[in-house]
């Protein structure tokens, strides 16, 4: 018996089928449901693969919730199972390693878009605020990415001393500061600016340069350097 997803895709005009759209227009042209449908591949017991993808995104509130969900929560969904959950986890790790390899080549500062994609991947799914630091060598290659502070990010919760210690332990020449705004709005607050200024001053004492501070929002990653805020 042919899978229901194959039949449903064949009923669509050729250039509207998810796989063909991806190849002709690029992945950015696809909806979340279409992207997840391609990844899942097959339907299940009278449900098309699009139905399953839509159910998953509805249940977990989008990709962020799906990627944060515990494996058992996903496995229990119709049409899922250990194999597909393992695929999701493997895909996340592949993306992580790809982005890491880009920084290992020293491309971090030659292509700001790479830095944005890296930080969005790392911080964009959190439902709480997380403050991270990218420690770089003198050629701006990534030595280490570390999430150091959690919760409400303000002057009391981010400790320059700890950032300095980790910078020295990593033998870093420069850093990129980053944190997320779970509200989705990437605009910097006065507290964000104060934290940035404190860390710049503190790290100057050990000859470590702050290259940027980036705020990860829902669909945007704001750069302090591009805004002239450093």
C-alpha atoms as a PDB file:
ATOM      1  CA  UNK A   1       0.000   0.000   0.000  1.00  0.00           C
ATOM      2  CA  UNK A   2       1.280   3.476  -0.845  1.00  0.00           C
ATOM      3  CA  UNK A   3       1.696   5.921   2.012  1.00  0.00           C
ATOM      4  CA  UNK A   4      -0.936   8.620   2.356  1.00  0.00           C
ATOM      5  CA  UNK A   5       1.662  11.367   2.191  1.00  0.00           C
ATOM      6  CA  UNK A   6       2.730  10.275  -1.294  1.00  0.00           C
ATOM      7  CA  UNK A   7      -0.846  10.489  -2.531  1.00  0.00           C
ATOM      8  CA  UNK A   8      -1.453  13.894  -0.982  1.00  0.00           C
ATOM      9  CA  UNK A   9       1.733  15.370  -2.451  1.00  0.00           C
ATOM     10  CA  UNK A  10       0.821  14.008  -5.890  1.00  0.00           C
ATOM     11  CA  UNK A  11      -2.503  15.817  -5.670  1.00  0.00           C
ATOM     12  CA  UNK A  12      -0.660  19.132  -5.399  1.00  0.00           C
ATOM     13  CA  UNK A  13       0.624  21.028  -8.442  1.00  0.00           C
ATOM     14  CA  UNK A  14       4.199  19.940  -9.102  1.00  0.00           C
ATOM     15  CA  UNK A  15       5.782  23.253  -8.119  1.00  0.00           C
ATOM     16  CA  UNK A  16       3.837  23.339  -4.838  1.00  0.00           C
ATOM     17  CA  UNK A  17       5.084  19.995  -3.548  1.00  0.00           C
ATOM     18  CA  UNK A  18       7.392  20.573  -0.567  1.00  0.00           C
ATOM     19  CA  UNK A  19      10.417  18.759  -1.970  1.00  0.00           C
ATOM     20  CA  UNK A  20      10.169  20.476  -5.339  1.00  0.00           C
ATOM     21  CA  UNK A  21       9.613  23.866  -3.678  1.00  0.00           C
ATOM     22  CA  UNK A  22      12.737  23.359  -1.583  1.00  0.00           C
ATOM     23  CA  UNK A  23      14.881  22.462  -4.594  1.00  0.00           C
ATOM     24  CA  UNK A  24      13.487  25.233  -6.814  1.00  0.00           C
ATOM     25  CA  UNK A  25      13.034  28.080  -4.330  1.00  0.00           C
ATOM     26  CA  UNK A  26      15.213  27.161  -1.373  1.00  0.00           C
ATOM     27  CA  UNK A  27      14.324  25.985   2.129  1.00  0.00           C
ATOM     28  CA  UNK A  28      13.381  29.508   3.241  1.00  0.00           C
ATOM     29  CA  UNK A  29      10.352  29.400   0.925  1.00  0.00           C
ATOM     30  CA  UNK A  30       8.756  26.518   2.824  1.00  0.00           C
ATOM     31  CA  UNK A  31       6.341  26.786   5.733  1.00  0.00           C
ATOM     32  CA  UNK A  32       7.164  25.110   9.045  1.00  0.00           C
ATOM     33  CA  UNK A  33       4.700  22.336   8.228  1.00  0.00           C
ATOM     34  CA  UNK A  34       6.284  21.744   4.819  1.00  0.00           C
ATOM     35  CA  UNK A  35       9.806  21.607   6.233  1.00  0.00           C
ATOM     36  CA  UNK A  36       8.838  19.184   8.971  1.00  0.00           C
ATOM     37  CA  UNK A  37       6.861  17.089   6.477  1.00  0.00           C
ATOM     38  CA  UNK A  38       9.950  16.575   4.336  1.00  0.00           C
ATOM     39  CA  UNK A  39      11.933  15.583   7.409  1.00  0.00           C
ATOM     40  CA  UNK A  40       9.328  13.096   8.665  1.00  0.00           C
ATOM     41  CA  UNK A  41       8.874  11.560   5.246  1.00  0.00           C
ATOM     42  CA  UNK A  42       5.811   9.335   5.710  1.00  0.00           C
ATOM     43  CA  UNK A  43       2.259   9.461   7.032  1.00  0.00           C
ATOM     44  CA  UNK A  44       0.683   7.037   9.490  1.00  0.00           C
ATOM     45  CA  UNK A  45      -2.690   5.266   9.781  1.00  0.00           C
ATOM     46  CA  UNK A  46      -4.852   7.542   7.676  1.00  0.00           C
ATOM     47  CA  UNK A  47      -2.897  10.729   8.483  1.00  0.00           C
ATOM     48  CA  UNK A  48      -0.817  12.424   5.864  1.00  0.00           C
ATOM     49  CA  UNK A  49       2.673  13.481   6.794  1.00  0.00           C
ATOM     50  CA  UNK A  50       1.456  17.090   6.678  1.00  0.00           C
ATOM     51  CA  UNK A  51      -1.201  16.224   9.274  1.00  0.00           C
ATOM     52  CA  UNK A  52       1.426  14.716  11.556  1.00  0.00           C
ATOM     53  CA  UNK A  53       3.744  17.697  11.119  1.00  0.00           C
ATOM     54  CA  UNK A  54       0.888  20.118  11.864  1.00  0.00           C
ATOM     55  CA  UNK A  55      -0.150  18.122  14.957  1.00  0.00           C
ATOM     56  CA  UNK A  56       3.410  18.184  16.304  1.00  0.00           C
ATOM     57  CA  UNK A  57       3.840  21.918  15.803  1.00  0.00           C
ATOM     58  CA  UNK A  58       0.409  22.629  17.315  1.00  0.00           C
ATOM     59  CA  UNK A  59       1.016  20.439  20.356  1.00  0.00           C
ATOM     60  CA  UNK A  60       4.453  21.826  21.181  1.00  0.00           C
ATOM     61  CA  UNK A  61       3.827  25.408  20.084  1.00  0.00           C
ATOM     62  CA  UNK A  62       6.197  25.438  17.123  1.00  0.00           C
ATOM     63  CA  UNK A  63       9.757  24.325  16.522  1.00  0.00           C
ATOM     64  CA  UNK A  64      11.069  25.728  19.796  1.00  0.00           C
ATOM     65  CA  UNK A  65       8.704  23.606  21.871  1.00  0.00           C
ATOM     66  CA  UNK A  66       9.268  20.555  19.684  1.00  0.00           C
ATOM     67  CA  UNK A  67      13.030  20.767  20.018  1.00  0.00           C
ATOM     68  CA  UNK A  68      12.807  21.336  23.778  1.00  0.00           C
ATOM     69  CA  UNK A  69      10.349  18.480  24.355  1.00  0.00           C
ATOM     70  CA  UNK A  70      11.454  15.319  26.109  1.00  0.00           C
ATOM     71  CA  UNK A  71      11.920  12.369  23.732  1.00  0.00           C
ATOM     72  CA  UNK A  72       9.092  10.400  25.376  1.00  0.00           C
ATOM     73  CA  UNK A  73       6.634  13.241  24.736  1.00  0.00           C
ATOM     74  CA  UNK A  74       7.419  13.099  21.021  1.00  0.00           C
ATOM     75  CA  UNK A  75       7.578   9.307  20.768  1.00  0.00           C
ATOM     76  CA  UNK A  76       4.033   9.050  22.108  1.00  0.00           C
ATOM     77  CA  UNK A  77       2.641  11.196  19.271  1.00  0.00           C
ATOM     78  CA  UNK A  78       0.903   9.335  16.398  1.00  0.00           C
ATOM     79  CA  UNK A  79       3.281   8.681  13.519  1.00  0.00           C
ATOM     80  CA  UNK A  80       6.384   9.187  15.610  1.00  0.00           C
ATOM     81  CA  UNK A  81       8.658   6.675  17.297  1.00  0.00           C
ATOM     82  CA  UNK A  82      12.197   6.114  18.476  1.00  0.00           C
ATOM     83  CA  UNK A  83      13.676   6.310  14.971  1.00  0.00           C
ATOM     84  CA  UNK A  84      12.163   9.695  14.112  1.00  0.00           C
ATOM     85  CA  UNK A  85      12.971  11.187  17.488  1.00  0.00           C
ATOM     86  CA  UNK A  86      16.547   9.988  17.074  1.00  0.00           C
ATOM     87  CA  UNK A  87      16.600  11.684  13.656  1.00  0.00           C
ATOM     88  CA  UNK A  88      15.503  14.976  15.213  1.00  0.00           C
ATOM     89  CA  UNK A  89      18.250  14.778  17.842  1.00  0.00           C
ATOM     90  CA  UNK A  90      20.842  13.790  15.259  1.00  0.00           C
ATOM     91  CA  UNK A  91      19.855  16.686  13.007  1.00  0.00           C
ATOM     92  CA  UNK A  92      20.328  19.140  15.872  1.00  0.00           C
ATOM     93  CA  UNK A  93      23.783  17.742  16.555  1.00  0.00           C
ATOM     94  CA  UNK A  94      24.715  17.868  12.848  1.00  0.00           C
ATOM     95  CA  UNK A  95      23.699  21.543  12.732  1.00  0.00           C
ATOM     96  CA  UNK A  96      25.703  22.258  15.884  1.00  0.00           C
ATOM     97  CA  UNK A  97      28.804  20.571  14.501  1.00  0.00           C
ATOM     98  CA  UNK A  98      28.486  22.317  11.139  1.00  0.00           C
ATOM     99  CA  UNK A  99      28.314  25.745  12.755  1.00  0.00           C
ATOM    100  CA  UNK A 100      31.193  24.831  15.073  1.00  0.00           C
ATOM    101  CA  UNK A 101      33.327  23.833  12.055  1.00  0.00           C
ATOM    102  CA  UNK A 102      32.647  27.198  10.414  1.00  0.00           C
ATOM    103  CA  UNK A 103      34.055  28.995  13.444  1.00  0.00           C
ATOM    104  CA  UNK A 104      36.993  26.593  13.580  1.00  0.00           C
ATOM    105  CA  UNK A 105      37.983  27.957  10.150  1.00  0.00           C
ATOM    106  CA  UNK A 106      38.027  31.485  11.527  1.00  0.00           C
ATOM    107  CA  UNK A 107      34.954  32.729   9.665  1.00  0.00           C
ATOM    108  CA  UNK A 108      33.197  34.170  12.715  1.00  0.00           C
ATOM    109  CA  UNK A 109      33.883  37.819  12.007  1.00  0.00           C
ATOM    110  CA  UNK A 110      34.207  37.710   8.212  1.00  0.00           C
ATOM    111  CA  UNK A 111      30.549  36.684   7.920  1.00  0.00           C
ATOM    112  CA  UNK A 112      28.303  38.182  10.644  1.00  0.00           C
ATOM    113  CA  UNK A 113      25.428  36.080   9.319  1.00  0.00           C
ATOM    114  CA  UNK A 114      27.215  32.939  10.504  1.00  0.00           C
ATOM    115  CA  UNK A 115      27.490  34.330  14.012  1.00  0.00           C
ATOM    116  CA  UNK A 116      23.795  35.187  13.972  1.00  0.00           C
ATOM    117  CA  UNK A 117      22.814  31.695  12.810  1.00  0.00           C
ATOM    118  CA  UNK A 118      25.046  30.100  15.423  1.00  0.00           C
ATOM    119  CA  UNK A 119      23.607  32.140  18.287  1.00  0.00           C
ATOM    120  CA  UNK A 120      20.024  31.772  17.094  1.00  0.00           C
ATOM    121  CA  UNK A 121      20.544  28.006  16.981  1.00  0.00           C
ATOM    122  CA  UNK A 122      22.083  27.980  20.458  1.00  0.00           C
ATOM    123  CA  UNK A 123      19.806  30.449  22.257  1.00  0.00           C
ATOM    124  CA  UNK A 124      16.662  30.853  20.193  1.00  0.00           C
ATOM    125  CA  UNK A 125      14.777  27.915  21.694  1.00  0.00           C
ATOM    126  CA  UNK A 126      15.086  28.853  25.370  1.00  0.00           C
ATOM    127  CA  UNK A 127      11.995  29.934  27.283  1.00  0.00           C
ATOM    128  CA  UNK A 128      14.148  31.711  29.893  1.00  0.00           C
ATOM    129  CA  UNK A 129      16.983  34.179  29.555  1.00  0.00           C
ATOM    130  CA  UNK A 130      20.453  32.721  29.066  1.00  0.00           C
ATOM    131  CA  UNK A 131      23.688  34.722  28.921  1.00  0.00           C
ATOM    132  CA  UNK A 132      26.470  33.134  26.885  1.00  0.00           C
ATOM    133  CA  UNK A 133      29.998  34.017  25.855  1.00  0.00           C
ATOM    134  CA  UNK A 134      31.884  32.977  22.731  1.00  0.00           C
ATOM    135  CA  UNK A 135      35.600  32.847  23.557  1.00  0.00           C
ATOM    136  CA  UNK A 136      37.779  33.474  20.472  1.00  0.00           C
ATOM    137  CA  UNK A 137      41.495  33.262  19.732  1.00  0.00           C
ATOM    138  CA  UNK A 138      43.515  36.055  18.122  1.00  0.00           C
ATOM    139  CA  UNK A 139      42.335  34.946  14.651  1.00  0.00           C
ATOM    140  CA  UNK A 140      38.715  35.031  15.832  1.00  0.00           C
ATOM    141  CA  UNK A 141      38.331  31.256  15.721  1.00  0.00           C
ATOM    142  CA  UNK A 142      35.979  29.829  18.299  1.00  0.00           C
ATOM    143  CA  UNK A 143      37.732  28.296  21.308  1.00  0.00           C
ATOM    144  CA  UNK A 144      34.628  27.706  23.379  1.00  0.00           C
ATOM    145  CA  UNK A 145      30.956  28.640  23.565  1.00  0.00           C
ATOM    146  CA  UNK A 146      29.730  28.715  27.166  1.00  0.00           C
ATOM    147  CA  UNK A 147      26.355  29.473  28.723  1.00  0.00           C
ATOM    148  CA  UNK A 148      27.281  31.105  32.010  1.00  0.00           C
ATOM    149  CA  UNK A 149      24.228  32.790  33.548  1.00  0.00           C
ATOM    150  CA  UNK A 150      20.571  31.841  33.640  1.00  0.00           C
ATOM    151  CA  UNK A 151      17.302  33.472  34.614  1.00  0.00           C
ATOM    152  CA  UNK A 152      16.563  37.182  34.521  1.00  0.00           C
ATOM    153  CA  UNK A 153      19.640  38.830  33.014  1.00  0.00           C
ATOM    154  CA  UNK A 154      20.468  42.013  34.900  1.00  0.00           C
ATOM    155  CA  UNK A 155      23.401  43.673  36.581  1.00  0.00           C
ATOM    156  CA  UNK A 156      23.145  41.446  39.639  1.00  0.00           C
ATOM    157  CA  UNK A 157      23.058  38.124  37.800  1.00  0.00           C
ATOM    158  CA  UNK A 158      25.956  38.588  35.349  1.00  0.00           C
ATOM    159  CA  UNK A 159      29.317  38.536  37.130  1.00  0.00           C
ATOM    160  CA  UNK A 160      32.298  40.038  35.259  1.00  0.00           C
ATOM    161  CA  UNK A 161      34.727  38.141  37.497  1.00  0.00           C
ATOM    162  CA  UNK A 162      33.425  34.794  36.223  1.00  0.00           C
ATOM    163  CA  UNK A 163      33.670  35.927  32.612  1.00  0.00           C
ATOM    164  CA  UNK A 164      37.268  37.057  33.187  1.00  0.00           C
ATOM    165  CA  UNK A 165      38.179  33.734  34.811  1.00  0.00           C
ATOM    166  CA  UNK A 166      36.764  31.761  31.873  1.00  0.00           C
ATOM    167  CA  UNK A 167      38.465  34.085  29.367  1.00  0.00           C
ATOM    168  CA  UNK A 168      41.841  33.499  31.034  1.00  0.00           C
ATOM    169  CA  UNK A 169      41.281  29.754  31.324  1.00  0.00           C
ATOM    170  CA  UNK A 170      40.423  29.639  27.614  1.00  0.00           C
ATOM    171  CA  UNK A 171      43.389  31.876  26.746  1.00  0.00           C
ATOM    172  CA  UNK A 172      40.933  34.013  24.780  1.00  0.00           C
ATOM    173  CA  UNK A 173      41.982  37.133  22.888  1.00  0.00           C
ATOM    174  CA  UNK A 174      38.420  38.298  22.245  1.00  0.00           C
ATOM    175  CA  UNK A 175      34.830  37.491  23.109  1.00  0.00           C
ATOM    176  CA  UNK A 176      31.354  37.861  21.702  1.00  0.00           C
ATOM    177  CA  UNK A 177      28.694  38.308  24.368  1.00  0.00           C
ATOM    178  CA  UNK A 178      25.191  37.043  23.725  1.00  0.00           C
ATOM    179  CA  UNK A 179      21.867  36.514  25.417  1.00  0.00           C
ATOM    180  CA  UNK A 180      18.290  35.856  24.366  1.00  0.00           C
ATOM    181  CA  UNK A 181      15.040  37.718  24.906  1.00  0.00           C
ATOM    182  CA  UNK A 182      12.314  35.066  25.296  1.00  0.00           C
ATOM    183  CA  UNK A 183       9.736  37.801  24.695  1.00  0.00           C
ATOM    184  CA  UNK A 184      10.915  37.757  21.099  1.00  0.00           C
ATOM    185  CA  UNK A 185      11.837  41.461  21.007  1.00  0.00           C
ATOM    186  CA  UNK A 186      15.570  41.884  20.397  1.00  0.00           C
ATOM    187  CA  UNK A 187      15.814  45.571  21.372  1.00  0.00           C
ATOM    188  CA  UNK A 188      18.432  46.182  24.106  1.00  0.00           C
ATOM    189  CA  UNK A 189      17.346  47.435  27.496  1.00  0.00           C
ATOM    190  CA  UNK A 190      19.218  49.852  29.728  1.00  0.00           C
ATOM    191  CA  UNK A 191      20.284  46.852  31.821  1.00  0.00           C
ATOM    192  CA  UNK A 192      21.698  45.200  28.681  1.00  0.00           C
ATOM    193  CA  UNK A 193      23.765  48.304  27.953  1.00  0.00           C
ATOM    194  CA  UNK A 194      25.033  48.516  31.549  1.00  0.00           C
ATOM    195  CA  UNK A 195      26.093  44.864  31.509  1.00  0.00           C
ATOM    196  CA  UNK A 196      27.901  45.372  28.215  1.00  0.00           C
ATOM    197  CA  UNK A 197      29.767  48.428  29.475  1.00  0.00           C
ATOM    198  CA  UNK A 198      30.780  46.654  32.700  1.00  0.00           C
ATOM    199  CA  UNK A 199      32.090  43.635  30.843  1.00  0.00           C
ATOM    200  CA  UNK A 200      34.008  45.744  28.320  1.00  0.00           C
ATOM    201  CA  UNK A 201      35.729  47.610  31.176  1.00  0.00           C
ATOM    202  CA  UNK A 202      36.453  44.429  33.138  1.00  0.00           C
ATOM    203  CA  UNK A 203      37.840  42.494  30.170  1.00  0.00           C
ATOM    204  CA  UNK A 204      40.054  45.395  29.098  1.00  0.00           C
ATOM    205  CA  UNK A 205      42.027  44.817  32.325  1.00  0.00           C
ATOM    206  CA  UNK A 206      43.159  41.432  30.995  1.00  0.00           C
ATOM    207  CA  UNK A 207      43.561  42.544  27.357  1.00  0.00           C
ATOM    208  CA  UNK A 208      40.483  40.712  26.084  1.00  0.00           C
ATOM    209  CA  UNK A 209      38.474  42.602  23.494  1.00  0.00           C
ATOM    210  CA  UNK A 210      34.666  42.552  23.343  1.00  0.00           C
ATOM    211  CA  UNK A 211      33.865  42.302  19.635  1.00  0.00           C
ATOM    212  CA  UNK A 212      30.091  42.377  19.978  1.00  0.00           C
ATOM    213  CA  UNK A 213      27.087  41.737  22.161  1.00  0.00           C
ATOM    214  CA  UNK A 214      24.220  40.056  20.351  1.00  0.00           C
ATOM    215  CA  UNK A 215      20.621  39.724  21.499  1.00  0.00           C
ATOM    216  CA  UNK A 216      18.627  36.826  20.094  1.00  0.00           C
ATOM    217  CA  UNK A 217      14.947  37.578  19.563  1.00  0.00           C
ATOM    218  CA  UNK A 218      12.141  35.724  17.835  1.00  0.00           C
ATOM    219  CA  UNK A 219      13.128  36.498  14.267  1.00  0.00           C
ATOM    220  CA  UNK A 220      16.082  38.839  14.686  1.00  0.00           C
ATOM    221  CA  UNK A 221      19.548  38.851  16.205  1.00  0.00           C
ATOM    222  CA  UNK A 222      20.543  42.387  17.179  1.00  0.00           C
ATOM    223  CA  UNK A 223      24.206  43.408  17.095  1.00  0.00           C
ATOM    224  CA  UNK A 224      25.484  46.070  19.509  1.00  0.00           C
ATOM    225  CA  UNK A 225      28.467  46.651  17.196  1.00  0.00           C
ATOM    226  CA  UNK A 226      26.245  47.360  14.187  1.00  0.00           C
ATOM    227  CA  UNK A 227      24.093  49.699  16.294  1.00  0.00           C
ATOM    228  CA  UNK A 228      27.188  51.593  17.453  1.00  0.00           C
ATOM    229  CA  UNK A 229      26.506  50.651  21.079  1.00  0.00           C
ATOM    230  CA  UNK A 230      29.959  49.287  21.963  1.00  0.00           C
END
